[in-house]
Amino acid sequence: ILLLLIASAPSVDAQLKTKDDVPLASFHANVKRTLQKLLNKRCCQIVPQCCEWN
């Protein structure tokens, strides 16, 4: 019975984490934020009206 419980337990590998133990959701949020900043900088150079002033 103990072997069945161990086999059915969630695996550590099933958790969404990078090799540095950072949750992937946080990693994706950081990437999205960085890309948005780059897009805003590019947009500001072309069309100043689309700049975000945060």
PDB file of N, CA and C in Angstrom:
ATOM      1  N   ILE A   1       0.835  -1.198   0.000  1.00  0.00           N
ATOM      2  CA  ILE A   1       0.000   0.000   0.000  1.00  0.00           C
ATOM      3  C   ILE A   1       0.872   1.250   0.000  1.00  0.00           C
ATOM      4  N   LEU A   2       1.944   1.248   0.749  1.00  0.00           N
ATOM      5  CA  LEU A   2       2.826   2.409   0.813  1.00  0.00           C
ATOM      6  C   LEU A   2       3.424   2.718  -0.557  1.00  0.00           C
ATOM      7  N   LEU A   3       3.796   1.680  -1.296  1.00  0.00           N
ATOM      8  CA  LEU A   3       4.347   1.894  -2.627  1.00  0.00           C
ATOM      9  C   LEU A   3       3.323   2.535  -3.553  1.00  0.00           C
ATOM     10  N   LEU A   4       2.071   2.166  -3.423  1.00  0.00           N
ATOM     11  CA  LEU A   4       1.036   2.780  -4.251  1.00  0.00           C
ATOM     12  C   LEU A   4       0.867   4.259  -3.920  1.00  0.00           C
ATOM     13  N   LEU A   5       0.943   4.612  -2.651  1.00  0.00           N
ATOM     14  CA  LEU A   5       0.820   6.014  -2.255  1.00  0.00           C
ATOM     15  C   LEU A   5       1.995   6.842  -2.760  1.00  0.00           C
ATOM     16  N   ILE A   6       3.183   6.277  -2.687  1.00  0.00           N
ATOM     17  CA  ILE A   6       4.365   6.995  -3.169  1.00  0.00           C
ATOM     18  C   ILE A   6       4.288   7.180  -4.677  1.00  0.00           C
ATOM     19  N   ALA A   7       3.863   6.159  -5.388  1.00  0.00           N
ATOM     20  CA  ALA A   7       3.781   6.235  -6.842  1.00  0.00           C
ATOM     21  C   ALA A   7       2.717   7.221  -7.296  1.00  0.00           C
ATOM     22  N   SER A   8       1.660   7.403  -6.508  1.00  0.00           N
ATOM     23  CA  SER A   8       0.599   8.307  -6.930  1.00  0.00           C
ATOM     24  C   SER A   8       0.813   9.737  -6.440  1.00  0.00           C
ATOM     25  N   ALA A   9       1.851   9.971  -5.636  1.00  0.00           N
ATOM     26  CA  ALA A   9       2.133  11.328  -5.148  1.00  0.00           C
ATOM     27  C   ALA A   9       2.618  12.192  -6.307  1.00  0.00           C
ATOM     28  N   PRO A  10       2.289  13.485  -6.286  1.00  0.00           N
ATOM     29  CA  PRO A  10       2.751  14.364  -7.365  1.00  0.00           C
ATOM     30  C   PRO A  10       4.275  14.436  -7.391  1.00  0.00           C
ATOM     31  N   SER A  11       4.801  14.445  -8.556  1.00  0.00           N
ATOM     32  CA  SER A  11       6.248  14.489  -8.724  1.00  0.00           C
ATOM     33  C   SER A  11       6.762  15.908  -8.543  1.00  0.00           C
ATOM     34  N   VAL A  12       7.983  16.018  -8.067  1.00  0.00           N
ATOM     35  CA  VAL A  12       8.622  17.334  -7.940  1.00  0.00           C
ATOM     36  C   VAL A  12       8.799  17.941  -9.323  1.00  0.00           C
ATOM     37  N   ASP A  13       9.046  17.106 -10.323  1.00  0.00           N
ATOM     38  CA  ASP A  13       9.233  17.586 -11.687  1.00  0.00           C
ATOM     39  C   ASP A  13       7.954  18.159 -12.277  1.00  0.00           C
ATOM     40  N   ALA A  14       6.808  17.828 -11.709  1.00  0.00           N
ATOM     41  CA  ALA A  14       5.543  18.322 -12.244  1.00  0.00           C
ATOM     42  C   ALA A  14       5.321  19.792 -11.920  1.00  0.00           C
ATOM     43  N   GLN A  15       6.062  20.328 -10.953  1.00  0.00           N
ATOM     44  CA  GLN A  15       5.918  21.740 -10.611  1.00  0.00           C
ATOM     45  C   GLN A  15       6.601  22.580 -11.677  1.00  0.00           C
ATOM     46  N   LEU A  16       5.955  23.681 -12.069  1.00  0.00           N
ATOM     47  CA  LEU A  16       6.504  24.537 -13.103  1.00  0.00           C
ATOM     48  C   LEU A  16       7.577  25.448 -12.512  1.00  0.00           C
ATOM     49  N   LYS A  17       8.816  25.033 -12.656  1.00  0.00           N
ATOM     50  CA  LYS A  17       9.930  25.821 -12.138  1.00  0.00           C
ATOM     51  C   LYS A  17      11.084  25.731 -13.117  1.00  0.00           C
ATOM     52  N   THR A  18      11.905  26.752 -13.130  1.00  0.00           N
ATOM     53  CA  THR A  18      13.103  26.725 -13.955  1.00  0.00           C
ATOM     54  C   THR A  18      14.224  26.076 -13.167  1.00  0.00           C
ATOM     55  N   LYS A  19      15.375  25.930 -13.779  1.00  0.00           N
ATOM     56  CA  LYS A  19      16.492  25.300 -13.082  1.00  0.00           C
ATOM     57  C   LYS A  19      16.969  26.131 -11.898  1.00  0.00           C
ATOM     58  N   ASP A  20      16.697  27.427 -11.895  1.00  0.00           N
ATOM     59  CA  ASP A  20      17.085  28.289 -10.770  1.00  0.00           C
ATOM     60  C   ASP A  20      15.989  28.371  -9.727  1.00  0.00           C
ATOM     61  N   ASP A  21      14.982  27.505  -9.809  1.00  0.00           N
ATOM     62  CA  ASP A  21      13.905  27.413  -8.835  1.00  0.00           C
ATOM     63  C   ASP A  21      13.032  28.666  -8.807  1.00  0.00           C
ATOM     64  N   VAL A  22      12.882  29.312  -9.961  1.00  0.00           N
ATOM     65  CA  VAL A  22      11.992  30.464 -10.089  1.00  0.00           C
ATOM     66  C   VAL A  22      10.726  29.962 -10.771  1.00  0.00           C
ATOM     67  N   PRO A  23       9.551  30.226 -10.224  1.00  0.00           N
ATOM     68  CA  PRO A  23       8.322  29.777 -10.872  1.00  0.00           C
ATOM     69  C   PRO A  23       8.229  30.319 -12.301  1.00  0.00           C
ATOM     70  N   LEU A  24       7.781  29.473 -13.214  1.00  0.00           N
ATOM     71  CA  LEU A  24       7.695  29.884 -14.610  1.00  0.00           C
ATOM     72  C   LEU A  24       6.723  31.034 -14.820  1.00  0.00           C
ATOM     73  N   ALA A  25       5.679  31.119 -14.016  1.00  0.00           N
ATOM     74  CA  ALA A  25       4.739  32.231 -14.153  1.00  0.00           C
ATOM     75  C   ALA A  25       5.455  33.553 -13.907  1.00  0.00           C
ATOM     76  N   SER A  26       6.321  33.595 -12.917  1.00  0.00           N
ATOM     77  CA  SER A  26       7.090  34.799 -12.623  1.00  0.00           C
ATOM     78  C   SER A  26       8.065  35.091 -13.761  1.00  0.00           C
ATOM     79  N   PHE A  27       8.696  34.057 -14.271  1.00  0.00           N
ATOM     80  CA  PHE A  27       9.634  34.208 -15.383  1.00  0.00           C
ATOM     81  C   PHE A  27       8.927  34.779 -16.604  1.00  0.00           C
ATOM     82  N   HIS A  28       7.742  34.240 -16.925  1.00  0.00           N
ATOM     83  CA  HIS A  28       6.985  34.724 -18.075  1.00  0.00           C
ATOM     84  C   HIS A  28       6.528  36.159 -17.870  1.00  0.00           C
ATOM     85  N   ALA A  29       6.154  36.514 -16.651  1.00  0.00           N
ATOM     86  CA  ALA A  29       5.740  37.888 -16.361  1.00  0.00           C
ATOM     87  C   ALA A  29       6.909  38.847 -16.569  1.00  0.00           C
ATOM     88  N   ASN A  30       8.100  38.443 -16.156  1.00  0.00           N
ATOM     89  CA  ASN A  30       9.282  39.284 -16.348  1.00  0.00           C
ATOM     90  C   ASN A  30       9.604  39.458 -17.825  1.00  0.00           C
ATOM     91  N   VAL A  31       9.505  38.385 -18.589  1.00  0.00           N
ATOM     92  CA  VAL A  31       9.758  38.461 -20.030  1.00  0.00           C
ATOM     93  C   VAL A  31       8.736  39.376 -20.691  1.00  0.00           C
ATOM     94  N   LYS A  32       7.471  39.213 -20.329  1.00  0.00           N
ATOM     95  CA  LYS A  32       6.415  40.039 -20.911  1.00  0.00           C
ATOM     96  C   LYS A  32       6.642  41.518 -20.586  1.00  0.00           C
ATOM     97  N   ARG A  33       7.008  41.817 -19.336  1.00  0.00           N
ATOM     98  CA  ARG A  33       7.248  43.199 -18.919  1.00  0.00           C
ATOM     99  C   ARG A  33       8.433  43.792 -19.685  1.00  0.00           C
ATOM    100  N   THR A  34       9.500  43.007 -19.858  1.00  0.00           N
ATOM    101  CA  THR A  34      10.678  43.476 -20.581  1.00  0.00           C
ATOM    102  C   THR A  34      10.348  43.745 -22.041  1.00  0.00           C
ATOM    103  N   LEU A  35       9.615  42.832 -22.671  1.00  0.00           N
ATOM    104  CA  LEU A  35       9.234  43.033 -24.067  1.00  0.00           C
ATOM    105  C   LEU A  35       8.332  44.248 -24.230  1.00  0.00           C
ATOM    106  N   GLN A  36       7.438  44.481 -23.273  1.00  0.00           N
ATOM    107  CA  GLN A  36       6.553  45.641 -23.339  1.00  0.00           C
ATOM    108  C   GLN A  36       7.359  46.932 -23.238  1.00  0.00           C
ATOM    109  N   LYS A  37       8.375  46.951 -22.381  1.00  0.00           N
ATOM    110  CA  LYS A  37       9.229  48.136 -22.256  1.00  0.00           C
ATOM    111  C   LYS A  37       9.960  48.409 -23.562  1.00  0.00           C
ATOM    112  N   LEU A  38      10.494  47.345 -24.172  1.00  0.00           N
ATOM    113  CA  LEU A  38      11.200  47.513 -25.441  1.00  0.00           C
ATOM    114  C   LEU A  38      10.257  48.005 -26.531  1.00  0.00           C
ATOM    115  N   LEU A  39       9.050  47.467 -26.564  1.00  0.00           N
ATOM    116  CA  LEU A  39       8.062  47.895 -27.549  1.00  0.00           C
ATOM    117  C   LEU A  39       7.701  49.360 -27.339  1.00  0.00           C
ATOM    118  N   ASN A  40       7.511  49.768 -26.089  1.00  0.00           N
ATOM    119  CA  ASN A  40       7.176  51.157 -25.794  1.00  0.00           C
ATOM    120  C   ASN A  40       8.299  52.095 -26.214  1.00  0.00           C
ATOM    121  N   LYS A  41       9.553  51.707 -25.984  1.00  0.00           N
ATOM    122  CA  LYS A  41      10.686  52.545 -26.390  1.00  0.00           C
ATOM    123  C   LYS A  41      10.713  52.696 -27.900  1.00  0.00           C
ATOM    124  N   ARG A  42      10.481  51.604 -28.607  1.00  0.00           N
ATOM    125  CA  ARG A  42      10.493  51.653 -30.070  1.00  0.00           C
ATOM    126  C   ARG A  42       9.338  52.507 -30.574  1.00  0.00           C
ATOM    127  N   CYS A  43       8.170  52.339 -29.967  1.00  0.00           N
ATOM    128  CA  CYS A  43       6.997  53.097 -30.367  1.00  0.00           C
ATOM    129  C   CYS A  43       7.222  54.585 -30.117  1.00  0.00           C
ATOM    130  N   CYS A  44       7.849  54.933 -28.998  1.00  0.00           N
ATOM    131  CA  CYS A  44       8.098  56.338 -28.675  1.00  0.00           C
ATOM    132  C   CYS A  44       9.009  56.990 -29.707  1.00  0.00           C
ATOM    133  N   GLN A  45       9.938  56.231 -30.245  1.00  0.00           N
ATOM    134  CA  GLN A  45      10.845  56.778 -31.247  1.00  0.00           C
ATOM    135  C   GLN A  45      10.120  57.043 -32.559  1.00  0.00           C
ATOM    136  N   ILE A  46       9.131  56.222 -32.871  1.00  0.00           N
ATOM    137  CA  ILE A  46       8.414  56.349 -34.137  1.00  0.00           C
ATOM    138  C   ILE A  46       7.214  57.278 -33.996  1.00  0.00           C
ATOM    139  N   VAL A  47       6.380  57.037 -32.994  1.00  0.00           N
ATOM    140  CA  VAL A  47       5.152  57.815 -32.769  1.00  0.00           C
ATOM    141  C   VAL A  47       5.114  58.219 -31.293  1.00  0.00           C
ATOM    142  N   PRO A  48       5.538  59.434 -30.963  1.00  0.00           N
ATOM    143  CA  PRO A  48       5.596  59.844 -29.550  1.00  0.00           C
ATOM    144  C   PRO A  48       4.256  59.774 -28.821  1.00  0.00           C
ATOM    145  N   GLN A  49       3.136  59.829 -29.518  1.00  0.00           N
ATOM    146  CA  GLN A  49       1.823  59.794 -28.869  1.00  0.00           C
ATOM    147  C   GLN A  49       1.524  58.436 -28.232  1.00  0.00           C
ATOM    148  N   CYS A  50       2.202  57.405 -28.624  1.00  0.00           N
ATOM    149  CA  CYS A  50       1.903  56.078 -28.076  1.00  0.00           C
ATOM    150  C   CYS A  50       2.759  55.740 -26.865  1.00  0.00           C
ATOM    151  N   CYS A  51       3.566  56.671 -26.400  1.00  0.00           N
ATOM    152  CA  CYS A  51       4.417  56.420 -25.229  1.00  0.00           C
ATOM    153  C   CYS A  51       3.578  56.248 -23.975  1.00  0.00           C
ATOM    154  N   GLU A  52       4.047  55.353 -23.114  1.00  0.00           N
ATOM    155  CA  GLU A  52       3.431  55.184 -21.799  1.00  0.00           C
ATOM    156  C   GLU A  52       4.343  55.848 -20.786  1.00  0.00           C
ATOM    157  N   TRP A  53       3.799  56.720 -19.994  1.00  0.00           N
ATOM    158  CA  TRP A  53       4.581  57.405 -18.961  1.00  0.00           C
ATOM    159  C   TRP A  53       4.187  56.853 -17.612  1.00  0.00           C
ATOM    160  N   ASN A  54       4.866  55.816 -17.164  1.00  0.00           N
ATOM    161  CA  ASN A  54       4.576  55.191 -15.867  1.00  0.00           C
ATOM    162  C   ASN A  54       5.635  55.557 -14.873  1.00  0.00           C
TER     163      ASN A  54
END
